[in-house]
N, C-alpha and C. Protein backbone atom coordinates (compact mmCIF):
# COMPACT_ATOMS: atom_id res chain seq x y z
N MET A 1 109.03 93.06 129.03
CA MET A 1 107.83 92.74 128.29
C MET A 1 108.17 92.66 126.80
N MET A 2 107.75 91.60 126.17
CA MET A 2 108.03 91.39 124.76
C MET A 2 106.96 92.05 123.89
N LYS A 3 107.39 92.81 122.90
CA LYS A 3 106.45 93.47 121.99
C LYS A 3 105.95 92.48 120.96
N ARG A 4 104.68 92.58 120.66
CA ARG A 4 104.07 91.74 119.64
C ARG A 4 104.15 92.45 118.30
N ILE A 5 104.71 91.80 117.33
CA ILE A 5 104.84 92.38 115.99
C ILE A 5 103.70 91.85 115.13
N ILE A 6 102.97 92.76 114.54
CA ILE A 6 101.86 92.39 113.67
C ILE A 6 102.30 92.55 112.23
N GLN A 7 102.19 91.48 111.48
CA GLN A 7 102.52 91.52 110.06
C GLN A 7 101.31 92.07 109.29
N ILE A 8 101.54 93.14 108.58
CA ILE A 8 100.49 93.71 107.76
C ILE A 8 100.62 93.09 106.38
N ASP A 9 99.62 92.33 106.00
CA ASP A 9 99.63 91.68 104.70
C ASP A 9 98.25 91.83 104.07
N GLU A 10 98.11 91.29 102.88
CA GLU A 10 96.85 91.42 102.14
C GLU A 10 95.67 90.85 102.93
N LYS A 11 95.88 89.74 103.59
CA LYS A 11 94.80 89.09 104.35
C LYS A 11 94.31 90.00 105.49
N LEU A 12 95.22 90.64 106.21
CA LEU A 12 94.85 91.54 107.30
C LEU A 12 94.12 92.77 106.77
N VAL A 13 94.64 93.36 105.69
CA VAL A 13 94.00 94.55 105.11
C VAL A 13 92.59 94.20 104.64
N ARG A 14 92.46 93.08 103.96
CA ARG A 14 91.15 92.63 103.46
C ARG A 14 90.18 92.41 104.62
N SER A 15 90.64 91.76 105.67
CA SER A 15 89.80 91.51 106.84
C SER A 15 89.33 92.82 107.47
N ASN A 16 90.23 93.79 107.56
CA ASN A 16 89.85 95.08 108.13
C ASN A 16 88.84 95.81 107.26
N LEU A 17 88.99 95.70 105.95
CA LEU A 17 88.02 96.34 105.04
C LEU A 17 86.66 95.65 105.11
N ILE A 18 86.67 94.33 105.23
CA ILE A 18 85.41 93.59 105.33
C ILE A 18 84.67 93.98 106.60
N ASN A 19 85.40 94.25 107.66
CA ASN A 19 84.80 94.58 108.96
C ASN A 19 84.86 96.07 109.27
N LEU A 20 84.95 96.88 108.24
CA LEU A 20 85.08 98.32 108.39
C LEU A 20 83.90 98.90 109.18
N LYS A 21 84.21 99.77 110.12
CA LYS A 21 83.17 100.41 110.95
C LYS A 21 83.05 101.90 110.66
N GLN A 22 84.07 102.48 109.99
CA GLN A 22 84.03 103.90 109.70
C GLN A 22 84.76 104.17 108.38
N LEU A 23 84.14 105.00 107.56
CA LEU A 23 84.73 105.43 106.31
C LEU A 23 84.81 106.95 106.34
N ILE A 24 86.01 107.47 106.12
CA ILE A 24 86.23 108.92 106.17
C ILE A 24 86.71 109.39 104.80
N PHE A 25 86.01 110.36 104.26
CA PHE A 25 86.41 110.97 103.00
C PHE A 25 87.01 112.34 103.30
N GLU A 26 88.22 112.59 102.79
CA GLU A 26 88.79 113.93 102.85
C GLU A 26 88.31 114.64 101.59
N VAL A 27 87.29 115.47 101.73
CA VAL A 27 86.60 116.01 100.57
C VAL A 27 87.27 117.26 99.98
N THR A 28 88.15 117.88 100.73
CA THR A 28 88.84 119.06 100.20
C THR A 28 90.14 119.29 100.95
N GLU A 29 91.05 119.94 100.27
CA GLU A 29 92.29 120.39 100.90
C GLU A 29 92.30 121.90 101.03
N LYS A 30 91.17 122.52 100.83
CA LYS A 30 91.09 123.98 100.89
C LYS A 30 91.15 124.42 102.35
N CYS A 31 92.35 124.76 102.77
CA CYS A 31 92.57 125.08 104.17
C CYS A 31 93.82 125.95 104.28
N ASN A 32 93.81 126.86 105.24
CA ASN A 32 95.00 127.69 105.45
C ASN A 32 95.82 127.22 106.66
N LEU A 33 95.41 126.12 107.28
CA LEU A 33 96.11 125.55 108.43
C LEU A 33 96.33 126.57 109.54
N ASN A 34 95.34 127.41 109.77
CA ASN A 34 95.48 128.48 110.74
C ASN A 34 94.63 128.30 112.00
N CYS A 35 93.82 127.26 112.07
CA CYS A 35 92.97 127.07 113.24
C CYS A 35 93.81 126.61 114.44
N LYS A 36 93.58 127.20 115.59
CA LYS A 36 94.36 126.87 116.79
C LYS A 36 94.16 125.43 117.23
N TYR A 37 93.01 124.84 116.95
CA TYR A 37 92.71 123.47 117.41
C TYR A 37 93.21 122.40 116.44
N CYS A 38 93.70 122.79 115.29
CA CYS A 38 94.10 121.83 114.25
C CYS A 38 95.42 121.15 114.59
N GLY A 39 95.46 119.84 114.43
CA GLY A 39 96.67 119.08 114.66
C GLY A 39 97.77 119.38 113.66
N LEU A 40 97.43 119.95 112.52
CA LEU A 40 98.43 120.29 111.51
C LEU A 40 98.70 121.79 111.46
N SER A 41 98.19 122.51 112.43
CA SER A 41 98.27 123.96 112.44
C SER A 41 99.69 124.48 112.33
N ARG A 42 99.84 125.56 111.63
CA ARG A 42 101.14 126.21 111.51
C ARG A 42 101.61 126.71 112.87
N GLN A 43 100.66 126.93 113.78
CA GLN A 43 101.02 127.40 115.11
C GLN A 43 101.67 126.28 115.93
N LEU A 44 101.37 125.03 115.60
CA LEU A 44 101.93 123.90 116.34
C LEU A 44 103.18 123.33 115.69
N TYR A 45 103.26 123.43 114.37
CA TYR A 45 104.37 122.82 113.65
C TYR A 45 105.08 123.85 112.78
N LYS A 46 106.40 123.84 112.83
CA LYS A 46 107.16 124.74 111.96
C LYS A 46 107.16 124.24 110.53
N THR A 47 107.20 122.91 110.40
CA THR A 47 107.06 122.33 109.07
C THR A 47 105.66 121.74 109.03
N TYR A 48 104.94 122.04 108.03
CA TYR A 48 103.56 121.60 107.96
C TYR A 48 103.26 121.07 106.58
N ASN A 49 102.19 120.36 106.50
CA ASN A 49 101.75 119.75 105.26
C ASN A 49 101.05 120.81 104.42
N ASP A 50 101.70 121.28 103.38
CA ASP A 50 101.05 122.25 102.49
C ASP A 50 99.80 121.65 101.88
N ARG A 51 98.79 122.41 101.81
CA ARG A 51 97.55 121.98 101.18
C ARG A 51 97.57 122.48 99.74
N ASN A 52 97.05 121.67 98.84
CA ASN A 52 97.10 121.99 97.42
C ASN A 52 95.80 122.53 96.86
N LYS A 53 94.86 122.80 97.76
CA LYS A 53 93.56 123.38 97.37
C LYS A 53 92.79 122.49 96.41
N ARG A 54 93.02 121.17 96.50
CA ARG A 54 92.32 120.21 95.64
C ARG A 54 91.05 119.73 96.33
N ASP A 55 90.12 119.27 95.51
CA ASP A 55 88.90 118.62 96.00
C ASP A 55 88.94 117.16 95.58
N LEU A 56 88.36 116.30 96.41
CA LEU A 56 88.17 114.90 96.03
C LEU A 56 87.12 114.86 94.93
N SER A 57 87.35 114.07 93.91
CA SER A 57 86.35 113.95 92.84
C SER A 57 85.31 112.91 93.24
N PHE A 58 84.11 113.09 92.76
CA PHE A 58 83.06 112.11 93.03
C PHE A 58 83.44 110.76 92.44
N GLU A 59 84.12 110.78 91.30
CA GLU A 59 84.51 109.52 90.66
C GLU A 59 85.42 108.69 91.58
N LYS A 60 86.34 109.33 92.27
CA LYS A 60 87.22 108.60 93.19
C LYS A 60 86.44 108.09 94.40
N ALA A 61 85.56 108.91 94.93
CA ALA A 61 84.73 108.48 96.06
C ALA A 61 83.85 107.29 95.65
N LYS A 62 83.29 107.35 94.46
CA LYS A 62 82.43 106.27 93.96
C LYS A 62 83.23 104.98 93.79
N LEU A 63 84.48 105.09 93.33
CA LEU A 63 85.33 103.89 93.21
C LEU A 63 85.50 103.20 94.57
N ILE A 64 85.72 104.00 95.60
CA ILE A 64 85.88 103.44 96.94
C ILE A 64 84.58 102.80 97.41
N ILE A 65 83.47 103.49 97.23
CA ILE A 65 82.16 102.96 97.64
C ILE A 65 81.86 101.66 96.91
N ASP A 66 82.03 101.66 95.60
CA ASP A 66 81.76 100.45 94.80
C ASP A 66 82.66 99.30 95.21
N TYR A 67 83.94 99.59 95.46
CA TYR A 67 84.87 98.56 95.88
C TYR A 67 84.41 97.92 97.19
N LEU A 68 84.06 98.76 98.16
CA LEU A 68 83.63 98.23 99.46
C LEU A 68 82.32 97.45 99.34
N LEU A 69 81.37 97.96 98.58
CA LEU A 69 80.09 97.25 98.42
C LEU A 69 80.31 95.88 97.79
N ASN A 70 81.15 95.81 96.77
CA ASN A 70 81.45 94.53 96.13
C ASN A 70 82.19 93.59 97.07
N LEU A 71 83.12 94.13 97.84
CA LEU A 71 83.86 93.32 98.81
C LEU A 71 82.91 92.73 99.84
N TRP A 72 82.01 93.55 100.36
CA TRP A 72 81.04 93.08 101.36
C TRP A 72 80.09 92.05 100.76
N LYS A 73 79.66 92.30 99.53
CA LYS A 73 78.76 91.35 98.86
C LYS A 73 79.46 90.02 98.62
N ASP A 74 80.69 90.05 98.11
CA ASP A 74 81.46 88.84 97.84
C ASP A 74 81.74 88.03 99.10
N ASN A 75 81.81 88.72 100.23
CA ASN A 75 82.11 88.05 101.49
C ASN A 75 80.86 87.86 102.34
N GLN A 76 79.73 88.05 101.72
CA GLN A 76 78.43 87.82 102.34
C GLN A 76 78.28 88.54 103.68
N VAL A 77 78.71 89.79 103.72
CA VAL A 77 78.52 90.61 104.90
C VAL A 77 77.08 91.10 104.85
N SER A 78 76.27 90.56 105.73
CA SER A 78 74.85 90.91 105.68
C SER A 78 74.35 91.50 106.98
N ASP A 79 75.25 91.73 107.94
CA ASP A 79 74.84 92.30 109.22
C ASP A 79 74.55 93.78 109.03
N THR A 80 73.30 94.11 108.90
CA THR A 80 72.90 95.50 108.70
C THR A 80 72.54 96.17 110.02
N THR A 81 72.73 95.46 111.12
CA THR A 81 72.41 96.04 112.42
C THR A 81 73.62 96.70 113.06
N SER A 82 74.82 96.41 112.55
CA SER A 82 76.03 97.04 113.10
C SER A 82 76.07 98.51 112.72
N ARG A 83 76.59 99.29 113.61
CA ARG A 83 76.74 100.72 113.32
C ARG A 83 77.89 100.93 112.34
N PHE A 84 77.69 101.86 111.43
CA PHE A 84 78.71 102.22 110.46
C PHE A 84 78.73 103.74 110.40
N ALA A 85 79.91 104.32 110.55
CA ALA A 85 80.03 105.77 110.53
C ALA A 85 80.62 106.24 109.21
N LEU A 86 79.96 107.19 108.61
CA LEU A 86 80.45 107.84 107.41
C LEU A 86 80.83 109.26 107.82
N SER A 87 82.08 109.62 107.61
CA SER A 87 82.56 110.92 108.06
C SER A 87 83.20 111.68 106.91
N PHE A 88 83.23 112.99 107.08
CA PHE A 88 83.84 113.86 106.08
C PHE A 88 84.86 114.74 106.77
N TYR A 89 86.01 114.86 106.13
CA TYR A 89 87.15 115.54 106.71
C TYR A 89 87.77 116.40 105.64
N GLY A 90 88.63 117.26 106.04
CA GLY A 90 89.35 118.09 105.10
C GLY A 90 89.39 119.50 105.64
N GLY A 91 90.29 120.26 105.18
CA GLY A 91 90.47 121.63 105.65
C GLY A 91 89.19 122.24 106.17
N GLU A 92 88.27 122.43 105.32
CA GLU A 92 86.94 122.93 105.66
C GLU A 92 85.96 122.09 104.85
N PRO A 93 85.57 120.92 105.34
CA PRO A 93 84.77 120.00 104.51
C PRO A 93 83.46 120.59 104.00
N LEU A 94 82.86 121.50 104.77
CA LEU A 94 81.57 122.04 104.32
C LEU A 94 81.71 122.96 103.11
N ILE A 95 82.94 123.35 102.77
CA ILE A 95 83.16 124.10 101.53
C ILE A 95 82.73 123.25 100.34
N ASN A 96 82.88 121.94 100.48
CA ASN A 96 82.55 121.03 99.39
C ASN A 96 81.24 120.28 99.68
N MET A 97 80.25 121.00 100.17
CA MET A 97 78.96 120.40 100.51
C MET A 97 78.30 119.68 99.33
N PRO A 98 78.41 120.17 98.09
CA PRO A 98 77.81 119.43 96.98
C PRO A 98 78.36 118.00 96.87
N LEU A 99 79.66 117.82 97.09
CA LEU A 99 80.24 116.48 97.04
C LEU A 99 79.74 115.64 98.21
N ILE A 100 79.67 116.21 99.39
CA ILE A 100 79.17 115.49 100.56
C ILE A 100 77.76 114.97 100.29
N LYS A 101 76.90 115.83 99.77
CA LYS A 101 75.52 115.42 99.45
C LYS A 101 75.50 114.30 98.41
N LYS A 102 76.36 114.43 97.41
CA LYS A 102 76.40 113.42 96.34
C LYS A 102 76.86 112.06 96.87
N ILE A 103 77.84 112.06 97.77
CA ILE A 103 78.32 110.82 98.37
C ILE A 103 77.23 110.20 99.24
N ILE A 104 76.56 111.00 100.03
CA ILE A 104 75.47 110.49 100.88
C ILE A 104 74.36 109.91 100.02
N ASP A 105 73.97 110.62 98.97
CA ASP A 105 72.93 110.10 98.06
C ASP A 105 73.34 108.76 97.47
N CYS A 106 74.59 108.65 97.05
CA CYS A 106 75.11 107.42 96.45
C CYS A 106 75.02 106.27 97.45
N ILE A 107 75.45 106.52 98.67
CA ILE A 107 75.44 105.46 99.68
C ILE A 107 74.03 105.07 100.07
N GLU A 108 73.13 106.04 100.17
CA GLU A 108 71.74 105.73 100.54
C GLU A 108 71.05 104.88 99.48
N GLN A 109 71.46 105.02 98.22
CA GLN A 109 70.87 104.22 97.16
C GLN A 109 71.38 102.80 97.22
């Protein structure tokens, strides 16, 4: 069986962003990587991704939101009936609930 090679280029990335169905914000890195169910858990991996205890800034989240809104507007994406998932991720995302609320407020406007 021959494998199909997909070339990742600007056109493909742009198309995927125009047709985006889910946006995930990693709102915090405040995590000790100790949960048994975590895919990055220290219990599962001897080498693990150290967390730097940083939070995503609202300014960076807003840049992403504005970029996507402008991209959709420029490409006349007007299908408002399609489902779109907004998700929040990060060590313990609810630690940064003020940012989550601010992002939701921004998107709802």
